[in-house]
Full PDB file with SEQRES, HELIX, SHEET, SSBOND, CRYST1, ORIGX, SCALE, CONECT and MASTER records, all heavy atoms in Angstrom:
SEQRES   1 A   40  GLU PRO TYR GLU ASP GLY SER TYR VAL VAL TYR PHE PRO          
SEQRES   2 A   40  ASP LEU PRO GLY CYS VAL THR GLN GLY ASP ASP LEU PRO          
SEQRES   3 A   40  ASP ALA MET ARG MET ALA GLN GLU ALA LEU SER LEU HIS          
SEQRES   4 A   40  LEU                                                          
HELIX    1 AA1 LEU A   25  HIS A   39  1                                  15    
SHEET    1 AA1 2 TYR A   8  TYR A  11  0                                        
SHEET    2 AA1 2 VAL A  19  GLY A  22 -1                                        
CRYST1    1.000    1.000    1.000  90.00  90.00  90.00 P 1           1          
ORIGX1      1.000000  0.000000  0.000000        0.00000                         
ORIGX2      0.000000  1.000000  0.000000        0.00000                         
ORIGX3      0.000000  0.000000  1.000000        0.00000                         
SCALE1      1.000000  0.000000  0.000000        0.00000                         
SCALE2      0.000000  1.000000  0.000000        0.00000                         
SCALE3      0.000000  0.000000  1.000000        0.00000                         
ATOM      1  N   GLU A   1      21.042  18.591  -5.961  1.00  0.00           N  
ATOM      2  CA  GLU A   1      19.799  18.888  -5.263  1.00  0.00           C  
ATOM      3  C   GLU A   1      19.930  20.218  -4.623  1.00  0.00           C  
ATOM      4  O   GLU A   1      20.776  20.492  -3.750  1.00  0.00           O  
ATOM      5  CB  GLU A   1      19.499  17.840  -4.152  1.00  0.00           C  
ATOM      6  CG  GLU A   1      18.199  18.141  -3.453  1.00  0.00           C  
ATOM      7  CD  GLU A   1      17.925  17.127  -2.318  1.00  0.00           C  
ATOM      8  OE1 GLU A   1      18.809  16.425  -1.932  1.00  0.00           O  
ATOM      9  OE2 GLU A   1      16.743  17.115  -1.903  1.00  0.00           O  
ATOM     10  N   PRO A   2      19.092  21.187  -5.108  1.00  0.00           N  
ATOM     11  CA  PRO A   2      19.164  22.566  -4.573  1.00  0.00           C  
ATOM     12  C   PRO A   2      18.393  22.701  -3.208  1.00  0.00           C  
ATOM     13  O   PRO A   2      17.460  21.909  -2.952  1.00  0.00           O  
ATOM     14  CB  PRO A   2      18.430  23.373  -5.599  1.00  0.00           C  
ATOM     15  CG  PRO A   2      17.392  22.480  -6.225  1.00  0.00           C  
ATOM     16  CD  PRO A   2      18.098  21.046  -6.160  1.00  0.00           C  
ATOM     17  N   TYR A   3      18.904  23.596  -2.396  1.00  0.00           N  
ATOM     18  CA  TYR A   3      18.251  23.893  -1.101  1.00  0.00           C  
ATOM     19  C   TYR A   3      17.809  25.347  -1.106  1.00  0.00           C  
ATOM     20  O   TYR A   3      18.248  26.146  -2.003  1.00  0.00           O  
ATOM     21  CB  TYR A   3      19.195  23.664   0.047  1.00  0.00           C  
ATOM     22  CG  TYR A   3      19.282  22.163   0.317  1.00  0.00           C  
ATOM     23  CD1 TYR A   3      19.982  21.330  -0.431  1.00  0.00           C  
ATOM     24  CD2 TYR A   3      18.601  21.674   1.448  1.00  0.00           C  
ATOM     25  CE1 TYR A   3      20.015  19.960  -0.182  1.00  0.00           C  
ATOM     26  CE2 TYR A   3      18.602  20.323   1.749  1.00  0.00           C  
ATOM     27  CZ  TYR A   3      19.272  19.501   0.915  1.00  0.00           C  
ATOM     28  OH  TYR A   3      19.363  18.111   1.256  1.00  0.00           O  
ATOM     29  N   GLU A   4      16.822  25.772  -0.262  1.00  0.00           N  
ATOM     30  CA  GLU A   4      16.267  27.065  -0.287  1.00  0.00           C  
ATOM     31  C   GLU A   4      17.240  28.224  -0.138  1.00  0.00           C  
ATOM     32  O   GLU A   4      17.043  29.321  -0.524  1.00  0.00           O  
ATOM     33  CB  GLU A   4      15.138  27.168   0.741  1.00  0.00           C  
ATOM     34  CG  GLU A   4      13.961  26.312   0.195  1.00  0.00           C  
ATOM     35  CD  GLU A   4      12.671  26.575   1.116  1.00  0.00           C  
ATOM     36  OE1 GLU A   4      12.632  27.627   1.800  1.00  0.00           O  
ATOM     37  OE2 GLU A   4      11.857  25.704   1.150  1.00  0.00           O  
ATOM     38  N   ASP A   5      18.415  27.925   0.550  1.00  0.00           N  
ATOM     39  CA  ASP A   5      19.411  28.937   0.827  1.00  0.00           C  
ATOM     40  C   ASP A   5      20.324  29.071  -0.370  1.00  0.00           C  
ATOM     41  O   ASP A   5      21.273  29.934  -0.295  1.00  0.00           O  
ATOM     42  CB  ASP A   5      20.227  28.595   2.066  1.00  0.00           C  
ATOM     43  CG  ASP A   5      21.058  27.359   2.009  1.00  0.00           C  
ATOM     44  OD1 ASP A   5      21.008  26.639   0.910  1.00  0.00           O  
ATOM     45  OD2 ASP A   5      21.756  27.050   2.932  1.00  0.00           O  
ATOM     46  N   GLY A   6      20.126  28.391  -1.416  1.00  0.00           N  
ATOM     47  CA  GLY A   6      20.894  28.525  -2.677  1.00  0.00           C  
ATOM     48  C   GLY A   6      22.085  27.491  -2.821  1.00  0.00           C  
ATOM     49  O   GLY A   6      22.688  27.405  -3.803  1.00  0.00           O  
ATOM     50  N   SER A   7      22.219  26.794  -1.714  1.00  0.00           N  
ATOM     51  CA  SER A   7      23.175  25.710  -1.725  1.00  0.00           C  
ATOM     52  C   SER A   7      22.768  24.447  -2.421  1.00  0.00           C  
ATOM     53  O   SER A   7      21.571  24.350  -2.737  1.00  0.00           O  
ATOM     54  CB  SER A   7      23.751  25.352  -0.292  1.00  0.00           C  
ATOM     55  OG  SER A   7      22.711  24.734   0.415  1.00  0.00           O  
ATOM     56  N   TYR A   8      23.673  23.558  -2.737  1.00  0.00           N  
ATOM     57  CA  TYR A   8      23.409  22.285  -3.403  1.00  0.00           C  
ATOM     58  C   TYR A   8      24.065  21.163  -2.702  1.00  0.00           C  
ATOM     59  O   TYR A   8      25.227  21.374  -2.250  1.00  0.00           O  
ATOM     60  CB  TYR A   8      23.837  22.264  -4.857  1.00  0.00           C  
ATOM     61  CG  TYR A   8      23.081  23.112  -5.814  1.00  0.00           C  
ATOM     62  CD1 TYR A   8      23.177  24.532  -5.814  1.00  0.00           C  
ATOM     63  CD2 TYR A   8      22.189  22.493  -6.653  1.00  0.00           C  
ATOM     64  CE1 TYR A   8      22.361  25.265  -6.659  1.00  0.00           C  
ATOM     65  CE2 TYR A   8      21.364  23.202  -7.488  1.00  0.00           C  
ATOM     66  CZ  TYR A   8      21.466  24.593  -7.499  1.00  0.00           C  
ATOM     67  OH  TYR A   8      20.668  25.394  -8.432  1.00  0.00           O  
ATOM     68  N   VAL A   9      23.435  20.028  -2.667  1.00  0.00           N  
ATOM     69  CA  VAL A   9      24.077  18.767  -2.276  1.00  0.00           C  
ATOM     70  C   VAL A   9      24.192  17.893  -3.539  1.00  0.00           C  
ATOM     71  O   VAL A   9      23.263  17.981  -4.387  1.00  0.00           O  
ATOM     72  CB  VAL A   9      23.187  18.002  -1.208  1.00  0.00           C  
ATOM     73  CG1 VAL A   9      23.804  16.616  -0.961  1.00  0.00           C  
ATOM     74  CG2 VAL A   9      23.169  18.791   0.086  1.00  0.00           C  
ATOM     75  N   VAL A  10      25.335  17.228  -3.678  1.00  0.00           N  
ATOM     76  CA  VAL A  10      25.610  16.526  -4.963  1.00  0.00           C  
ATOM     77  C   VAL A  10      25.867  14.942  -4.578  1.00  0.00           C  
ATOM     78  O   VAL A  10      26.607  14.697  -3.668  1.00  0.00           O  
ATOM     79  CB  VAL A  10      26.836  17.031  -5.640  1.00  0.00           C  
ATOM     80  CG1 VAL A  10      27.075  16.322  -6.919  1.00  0.00           C  
ATOM     81  CG2 VAL A  10      26.712  18.562  -5.883  1.00  0.00           C  
ATOM     82  N   TYR A  11      25.206  14.122  -5.239  1.00  0.00           N  
ATOM     83  CA  TYR A  11      25.273  12.657  -4.997  1.00  0.00           C  
ATOM     84  C   TYR A  11      25.633  12.033  -6.363  1.00  0.00           C  
ATOM     85  O   TYR A  11      25.275  12.400  -7.447  1.00  0.00           O  
ATOM     86  CB  TYR A  11      23.890  12.088  -4.687  1.00  0.00           C  
ATOM     87  CG  TYR A  11      23.094  12.779  -3.668  1.00  0.00           C  
ATOM     88  CD1 TYR A  11      22.291  13.846  -4.006  1.00  0.00           C  
ATOM     89  CD2 TYR A  11      23.250  12.373  -2.329  1.00  0.00           C  
ATOM     90  CE1 TYR A  11      21.507  14.493  -3.008  1.00  0.00           C  
ATOM     91  CE2 TYR A  11      22.478  13.001  -1.366  1.00  0.00           C  
ATOM     92  CZ  TYR A  11      21.652  14.051  -1.719  1.00  0.00           C  
ATOM     93  OH  TYR A  11      20.873  14.720  -0.758  1.00  0.00           O  
ATOM     94  N   PHE A  12      26.527  10.971  -6.268  1.00  0.00           N  
ATOM     95  CA  PHE A  12      26.977  10.211  -7.461  1.00  0.00           C  
ATOM     96  C   PHE A  12      26.311   8.865  -7.346  1.00  0.00           C  
ATOM     97  O   PHE A  12      26.860   7.971  -6.599  1.00  0.00           O  
ATOM     98  CB  PHE A  12      28.438  10.114  -7.523  1.00  0.00           C  
ATOM     99  CG  PHE A  12      29.145  11.440  -7.905  1.00  0.00           C  
ATOM    100  CD1 PHE A  12      29.513  12.313  -6.929  1.00  0.00           C  
ATOM    101  CD2 PHE A  12      29.447  11.698  -9.227  1.00  0.00           C  
ATOM    102  CE1 PHE A  12      30.125  13.522  -7.262  1.00  0.00           C  
ATOM    103  CE2 PHE A  12      30.053  12.842  -9.556  1.00  0.00           C  
ATOM    104  CZ  PHE A  12      30.406  13.777  -8.598  1.00  0.00           C  
ATOM    105  N   PRO A  13      25.205   8.595  -8.053  1.00  0.00           N  
ATOM    106  CA  PRO A  13      24.538   7.238  -7.918  1.00  0.00           C  
ATOM    107  C   PRO A  13      25.460   6.042  -8.246  1.00  0.00           C  
ATOM    108  O   PRO A  13      25.253   5.012  -7.656  1.00  0.00           O  
ATOM    109  CB  PRO A  13      23.401   7.389  -9.007  1.00  0.00           C  
ATOM    110  CG  PRO A  13      23.178   8.801  -9.163  1.00  0.00           C  
ATOM    111  CD  PRO A  13      24.557   9.471  -9.007  1.00  0.00           C  
ATOM    112  N   ASP A  14      26.486   6.199  -9.111  1.00  0.00           N  
ATOM    113  CA  ASP A  14      27.339   5.074  -9.359  1.00  0.00           C  
ATOM    114  C   ASP A  14      28.399   4.855  -8.425  1.00  0.00           C  
ATOM    115  O   ASP A  14      29.100   3.855  -8.469  1.00  0.00           O  
ATOM    116  CB  ASP A  14      28.036   5.295 -10.766  1.00  0.00           C  
ATOM    117  CG  ASP A  14      27.033   5.320 -11.946  1.00  0.00           C  
ATOM    118  OD1 ASP A  14      26.053   4.557 -11.889  1.00  0.00           O  
ATOM    119  OD2 ASP A  14      27.284   6.037 -12.899  1.00  0.00           O  
ATOM    120  N   LEU A  15      28.598   5.843  -7.443  1.00  0.00           N  
ATOM    121  CA  LEU A  15      29.655   5.780  -6.461  1.00  0.00           C  
ATOM    122  C   LEU A  15      29.074   6.019  -5.039  1.00  0.00           C  
ATOM    123  O   LEU A  15      29.180   7.086  -4.528  1.00  0.00           O  
ATOM    124  CB  LEU A  15      30.699   6.814  -6.809  1.00  0.00           C  
ATOM    125  CG  LEU A  15      31.337   6.747  -8.203  1.00  0.00           C  
ATOM    126  CD1 LEU A  15      32.090   7.971  -8.589  1.00  0.00           C  
ATOM    127  CD2 LEU A  15      32.226   5.505  -8.265  1.00  0.00           C  
ATOM    128  N   PRO A  16      28.530   4.909  -4.451  1.00  0.00           N  
ATOM    129  CA  PRO A  16      27.951   5.158  -3.133  1.00  0.00           C  
ATOM    130  C   PRO A  16      28.974   5.746  -2.233  1.00  0.00           C  
ATOM    131  O   PRO A  16      30.200   5.336  -2.140  1.00  0.00           O  
ATOM    132  CB  PRO A  16      27.563   3.712  -2.739  1.00  0.00           C  
ATOM    133  CG  PRO A  16      27.389   2.999  -4.020  1.00  0.00           C  
ATOM    134  CD  PRO A  16      28.366   3.578  -4.996  1.00  0.00           C  
ATOM    135  N   GLY A  17      28.504   6.663  -1.395  1.00  0.00           N  
ATOM    136  CA  GLY A  17      29.375   7.379  -0.477  1.00  0.00           C  
ATOM    137  C   GLY A  17      30.151   8.539  -0.990  1.00  0.00           C  
ATOM    138  O   GLY A  17      30.688   9.314  -0.252  1.00  0.00           O  
ATOM    139  N   CYS A  18      30.004   8.804  -2.293  1.00  0.00           N  
ATOM    140  CA  CYS A  18      30.622  10.043  -2.890  1.00  0.00           C  
ATOM    141  C   CYS A  18      29.524  11.096  -2.934  1.00  0.00           C  
ATOM    142  O   CYS A  18      28.724  11.156  -3.785  1.00  0.00           O  
ATOM    143  CB  CYS A  18      31.157   9.702  -4.334  1.00  0.00           C  
ATOM    144  SG  CYS A  18      32.119  11.074  -5.012  1.00  0.00           S  
ATOM    145  N   VAL A  19      29.593  11.983  -1.955  1.00  0.00           N  
ATOM    146  CA  VAL A  19      28.602  13.033  -1.742  1.00  0.00           C  
ATOM    147  C   VAL A  19      29.388  14.314  -1.356  1.00  0.00           C  
ATOM    148  O   VAL A  19      30.450  14.245  -0.619  1.00  0.00           O  
ATOM    149  CB  VAL A  19      27.715  12.632  -0.604  1.00  0.00           C  
ATOM    150  CG1 VAL A  19      26.661  13.801  -0.298  1.00  0.00           C  
ATOM    151  CG2 VAL A  19      26.960  11.378  -0.899  1.00  0.00           C  
ATOM    152  N   THR A  20      28.913  15.478  -1.799  1.00  0.00           N  
ATOM    153  CA  THR A  20      29.578  16.721  -1.450  1.00  0.00           C  
ATOM    154  C   THR A  20      28.473  17.782  -1.453  1.00  0.00           C  
ATOM    155  O   THR A  20      27.277  17.507  -1.793  1.00  0.00           O  
ATOM    156  CB  THR A  20      30.720  17.025  -2.386  1.00  0.00           C  
ATOM    157  OG1 THR A  20      31.482  18.171  -1.842  1.00  0.00           O  
ATOM    158  CG2 THR A  20      30.247  17.322  -3.738  1.00  0.00           C  
ATOM    159  N   GLN A  21      28.825  18.992  -1.163  1.00  0.00           N  
ATOM    160  CA  GLN A  21      27.967  20.118  -1.268  1.00  0.00           C  
ATOM    161  C   GLN A  21      28.601  21.390  -1.665  1.00  0.00           C  
ATOM    162  O   GLN A  21      29.904  21.460  -1.619  1.00  0.00           O  
ATOM    163  CB  GLN A  21      27.256  20.303   0.098  1.00  0.00           C  
ATOM    164  CG  GLN A  21      28.128  20.714   1.139  1.00  0.00           C  
ATOM    165  CD  GLN A  21      28.238  22.224   1.319  1.00  0.00           C  
ATOM    166  OE1 GLN A  21      27.337  22.967   0.992  1.00  0.00           O  
ATOM    167  NE2 GLN A  21      29.398  22.713   1.700  1.00  0.00           N  
ATOM    168  N   GLY A  22      27.886  22.429  -2.072  1.00  0.00           N  
ATOM    169  CA  GLY A  22      28.501  23.660  -2.460  1.00  0.00           C  
ATOM    170  C   GLY A  22      27.550  24.771  -2.103  1.00  0.00           C  
ATOM    171  O   GLY A  22      26.319  24.620  -1.963  1.00  0.00           O  
ATOM    172  N   ASP A  23      28.147  25.993  -1.951  1.00  0.00           N  
ATOM    173  CA  ASP A  23      27.351  27.168  -1.470  1.00  0.00           C  
ATOM    174  C   ASP A  23      26.370  27.613  -2.588  1.00  0.00           C  
ATOM    175  O   ASP A  23      25.304  28.270  -2.315  1.00  0.00           O  
ATOM    176  CB  ASP A  23      28.190  28.348  -1.097  1.00  0.00           C  
ATOM    177  CG  ASP A  23      29.037  28.008   0.100  1.00  0.00           C  
ATOM    178  OD1 ASP A  23      28.618  27.234   0.929  1.00  0.00           O  
ATOM    179  OD2 ASP A  23      30.121  28.565   0.213  1.00  0.00           O  
ATOM    180  N   ASP A  24      26.698  27.335  -3.881  1.00  0.00           N  
ATOM    181  CA  ASP A  24      25.830  27.730  -4.974  1.00  0.00           C  
ATOM    182  C   ASP A  24      26.164  26.716  -6.093  1.00  0.00           C  
ATOM    183  O   ASP A  24      26.984  25.850  -5.931  1.00  0.00           O  
ATOM    184  CB  ASP A  24      25.993  29.133  -5.417  1.00  0.00           C  
ATOM    185  CG  ASP A  24      27.435  29.502  -5.742  1.00  0.00           C  
ATOM    186  OD1 ASP A  24      28.302  28.617  -6.097  1.00  0.00           O  
ATOM    187  OD2 ASP A  24      27.791  30.714  -5.542  1.00  0.00           O  
ATOM    188  N   LEU A  25      25.553  26.818  -7.227  1.00  0.00           N  
ATOM    189  CA  LEU A  25      25.747  25.817  -8.284  1.00  0.00           C  
ATOM    190  C   LEU A  25      27.229  25.778  -8.827  1.00  0.00           C  
ATOM    191  O   LEU A  25      27.775  24.698  -8.904  1.00  0.00           O  
ATOM    192  CB  LEU A  25      24.809  26.001  -9.463  1.00  0.00           C  
ATOM    193  CG  LEU A  25      24.751  24.952 -10.522  1.00  0.00           C  
ATOM    194  CD1 LEU A  25      24.574  23.554  -9.962  1.00  0.00           C  
ATOM    195  CD2 LEU A  25      23.754  25.307 -11.659  1.00  0.00           C  
ATOM    196  N   PRO A  26      27.859  26.873  -9.051  1.00  0.00           N  
ATOM    197  CA  PRO A  26      29.239  26.844  -9.552  1.00  0.00           C  
ATOM    198  C   PRO A  26      30.159  26.156  -8.422  1.00  0.00           C  
ATOM    199  O   PRO A  26      30.982  25.354  -8.773  1.00  0.00           O  
ATOM    200  CB  PRO A  26      29.622  28.258  -9.813  1.00  0.00           C  
ATOM    201  CG  PRO A  26      28.382  28.930 -10.115  1.00  0.00           C  
ATOM    202  CD  PRO A  26      27.368  28.272  -9.212  1.00  0.00           C  
ATOM    203  N   ASP A  27      29.890  26.540  -7.215  1.00  0.00           N  
ATOM    204  CA  ASP A  27      30.714  25.910  -6.070  1.00  0.00           C  
ATOM    205  C   ASP A  27      30.389  24.457  -5.992  1.00  0.00           C  
ATOM    206  O   ASP A  27      31.332  23.647  -5.812  1.00  0.00           O  
ATOM    207  CB  ASP A  27      30.413  26.666  -4.787  1.00  0.00           C  
ATOM    208  CG  ASP A  27      31.318  26.174  -3.652  1.00  0.00           C  
ATOM    209  OD1 ASP A  27      32.559  26.096  -3.904  1.00  0.00           O  
ATOM    210  OD2 ASP A  27      30.700  26.005  -2.547  1.00  0.00           O  
ATOM    211  N   ALA A  28      29.117  24.074  -6.130  1.00  0.00           N  
ATOM    212  CA  ALA A  28      28.815  22.690  -6.101  1.00  0.00           C  
ATOM    213  C   ALA A  28      29.473  21.855  -7.193  1.00  0.00           C  
ATOM    214  O   ALA A  28      29.914  20.706  -6.974  1.00  0.00           O  
ATOM    215  CB  ALA A  28      27.273  22.506  -6.140  1.00  0.00           C  
ATOM    216  N   MET A  29      29.532  22.478  -8.360  1.00  0.00           N  
ATOM    217  CA  MET A  29      30.206  21.735  -9.530  1.00  0.00           C  
ATOM    218  C   MET A  29      31.683  21.578  -9.217  1.00  0.00           C  
ATOM    219  O   MET A  29      32.228  20.488  -9.377  1.00  0.00           O  
ATOM    220  CB  MET A  29      30.008  22.475 -10.765  1.00  0.00           C  
ATOM    221  CG  MET A  29      30.642  21.838 -12.004  1.00  0.00           C  
ATOM    222  SD  MET A  29      29.993  20.161 -12.323  1.00  0.00           S  
ATOM    223  CE  MET A  29      28.596  20.554 -13.319  1.00  0.00           C  
ATOM    224  N   ARG A  30      32.288  22.631  -8.719  1.00  0.00           N  
ATOM    225  CA  ARG A  30      33.774  22.455  -8.314  1.00  0.00           C  
ATOM    226  C   ARG A  30      33.975  21.429  -7.290  1.00  0.00           C  
ATOM    227  O   ARG A  30      34.891  20.572  -7.298  1.00  0.00           O  
ATOM    228  CB  ARG A  30      34.317  23.834  -7.809  1.00  0.00           C  
ATOM    229  CG  ARG A  30      34.708  24.844  -8.885  1.00  0.00           C  
ATOM    230  CD  ARG A  30      35.388  26.021  -8.351  1.00  0.00           C  
ATOM    231  NE  ARG A  30      34.663  26.765  -7.371  1.00  0.00           N  
ATOM    232  CZ  ARG A  30      33.716  27.741  -7.684  1.00  0.00           C  
ATOM    233  NH1 ARG A  30      33.435  27.984  -8.933  1.00  0.00           N  
ATOM    234  NH2 ARG A  30      33.025  28.338  -6.706  1.00  0.00           N  
ATOM    235  N   MET A  31      33.123  21.437  -6.251  1.00  0.00           N  
ATOM    236  CA  MET A  31      33.243  20.453  -5.135  1.00  0.00           C  
ATOM    237  C   MET A  31      32.979  19.049  -5.682  1.00  0.00           C  
ATOM    238  O   MET A  31      33.580  18.066  -5.194  1.00  0.00           O  
ATOM    239  CB  MET A  31      32.312  20.826  -4.028  1.00  0.00           C  
ATOM    240  CG  MET A  31      32.592  22.188  -3.355  1.00  0.00           C  
ATOM    241  SD  MET A  31      34.261  22.251  -2.716  1.00  0.00           S  
ATOM    242  CE  MET A  31      34.034  21.097  -1.323  1.00  0.00           C  
ATOM    243  N   ALA A  32      32.054  18.938  -6.620  1.00  0.00           N  
ATOM    244  CA  ALA A  32      31.697  17.642  -7.160  1.00  0.00           C  
ATOM    245  C   ALA A  32      32.849  17.123  -7.930  1.00  0.00           C  
ATOM    246  O   ALA A  32      33.201  15.891  -7.839  1.00  0.00           O  
ATOM    247  CB  ALA A  32      30.481  17.730  -8.089  1.00  0.00           C  
ATOM    248  N   GLN A  33      33.600  17.912  -8.740  1.00  0.00           N  
ATOM    249  CA  GLN A  33      34.760  17.521  -9.477  1.00  0.00           C  
ATOM    250  C   GLN A  33      35.862  17.056  -8.524  1.00  0.00           C  
ATOM    251  O   GLN A  33      36.441  15.946  -8.709  1.00  0.00           O  
ATOM    252  CB  GLN A  33      35.260  18.584 -10.386  1.00  0.00           C  
ATOM    253  CG  GLN A  33      34.371  19.002 -11.513  1.00  0.00           C  
ATOM    254  CD  GLN A  33      34.919  20.162 -12.367  1.00  0.00           C  
ATOM    255  OE1 GLN A  33      35.237  21.108 -11.773  1.00  0.00           O  
ATOM    256  NE2 GLN A  33      35.020  19.954 -13.565  1.00  0.00           N  
ATOM    257  N   GLU A  34      36.035  17.756  -7.482  1.00  0.00           N  
ATOM    258  CA  GLU A  34      37.071  17.324  -6.412  1.00  0.00           C  
ATOM    259  C   GLU A  34      36.717  16.054  -5.740  1.00  0.00           C  
ATOM    260  O   GLU A  34      37.530  15.146  -5.604  1.00  0.00           O  
ATOM    261  CB  GLU A  34      37.291  18.416  -5.412  1.00  0.00           C  
ATOM    262  CG  GLU A  34      38.331  18.166  -4.409  1.00  0.00           C  
ATOM    263  CD  GLU A  34      38.568  19.350  -3.493  1.00  0.00           C  
ATOM    264  OE1 GLU A  34      38.614  20.497  -3.955  1.00  0.00           O  
ATOM    265  OE2 GLU A  34      38.675  19.047  -2.267  1.00  0.00           O  
ATOM    266  N   ALA A  35      35.453  15.928  -5.327  1.00  0.00           N  
ATOM    267  CA  ALA A  35      34.969  14.790  -4.639  1.00  0.00           C  
ATOM    268  C   ALA A  35      35.086  13.499  -5.531  1.00  0.00           C  
ATOM    269  O   ALA A  35      35.498  12.438  -5.103  1.00  0.00           O  
ATOM    270  CB  ALA A  35      33.527  14.886  -4.179  1.00  0.00           C  
ATOM    271  N   LEU A  36      34.727  13.676  -6.736  1.00  0.00           N  
ATOM    272  CA  LEU A  36      34.818  12.577  -7.731  1.00  0.00           C  
ATOM    273  C   LEU A  36      36.308  12.181  -7.917  1.00  0.00           C  
ATOM    274  O   LEU A  36      36.549  11.028  -7.866  1.00  0.00           O  
ATOM    275  CB  LEU A  36      34.231  13.040  -9.096  1.00  0.00           C  
ATOM    276  CG  LEU A  36      34.289  11.984 -10.227  1.00  0.00           C  
ATOM    277  CD1 LEU A  36      33.651  10.610  -9.932  1.00  0.00           C  
ATOM    278  CD2 LEU A  36      33.723  12.612 -11.565  1.00  0.00           C  
ATOM    279  N   SER A  37      37.154  13.131  -8.117  1.00  0.00           N  
ATOM    280  CA  SER A  37      38.579  12.829  -8.282  1.00  0.00           C  
ATOM    281  C   SER A  37      39.140  11.993  -7.082  1.00  0.00           C  
ATOM    282  O   SER A  37      39.840  11.079  -7.244  1.00  0.00           O  
ATOM    283  CB  SER A  37      39.403  14.109  -8.434  1.00  0.00           C  
ATOM    284  OG  SER A  37      39.070  14.806  -9.634  1.00  0.00           O  
ATOM    285  N   LEU A  38      38.851  12.484  -5.911  1.00  0.00           N  
ATOM    286  CA  LEU A  38      39.372  11.841  -4.689  1.00  0.00           C  
ATOM    287  C   LEU A  38      38.727  10.472  -4.506  1.00  0.00           C  
ATOM    288  O   LEU A  38      39.464   9.547  -4.055  1.00  0.00           O  
ATOM    289  CB  LEU A  38      39.174  12.713  -3.430  1.00  0.00           C  
ATOM    290  CG  LEU A  38      39.936  14.021  -3.462  1.00  0.00           C  
ATOM    291  CD1 LEU A  38      39.505  14.962  -2.351  1.00  0.00           C  
ATOM    292  CD2 LEU A  38      41.456  13.747  -3.420  1.00  0.00           C  
ATOM    293  N   HIS A  39      37.462  10.314  -4.805  1.00  0.00           N  
ATOM    294  CA  HIS A  39      36.819   8.999  -4.639  1.00  0.00           C  
ATOM    295  C   HIS A  39      37.390   7.986  -5.684  1.00  0.00           C  
ATOM    296  O   HIS A  39      37.742   6.876  -5.213  1.00  0.00           O  
ATOM    297  CB  HIS A  39      35.289   9.140  -4.876  1.00  0.00           C  
ATOM    298  CG  HIS A  39      34.509   8.019  -4.439  1.00  0.00           C  
ATOM    299  ND1 HIS A  39      33.949   7.931  -3.148  1.00  0.00           N  
ATOM    300  CD2 HIS A  39      34.134   6.853  -5.037  1.00  0.00           C  
ATOM    301  CE1 HIS A  39      33.331   6.799  -3.034  1.00  0.00           C  
ATOM    302  NE2 HIS A  39      33.475   6.131  -4.176  1.00  0.00           N  
ATOM    303  N   LEU A  40      37.577   8.413  -6.885  1.00  0.00           N  
ATOM    304  CA  LEU A  40      38.185   7.520  -7.855  1.00  0.00           C  
ATOM    305  C   LEU A  40      39.673   7.228  -7.555  1.00  0.00           C  
ATOM    306  O   LEU A  40      40.069   6.029  -7.652  1.00  0.00           O  
ATOM    307  CB  LEU A  40      38.054   8.116  -9.305  1.00  0.00           C  
ATOM    308  CG  LEU A  40      36.644   8.328  -9.811  1.00  0.00           C  
ATOM    309  CD1 LEU A  40      36.721   8.947 -11.194  1.00  0.00           C  
ATOM    310  CD2 LEU A  40      35.962   6.955  -9.901  1.00  0.00           C  
TER     311      LEU A  40                                                      
MASTER        0    0    0    1    2    0    0    6  310    1    0    4          
END                                                                             
């Protein structure tokens, strides 16, 4: 989910509670990969 400042919030529908954010899309993707790894 993008925000007006260019940041993103990332939600994993299959994994309640697994949420992260990034300063931009590439950062959000890196943070999502890390959050997913740690959650699993």
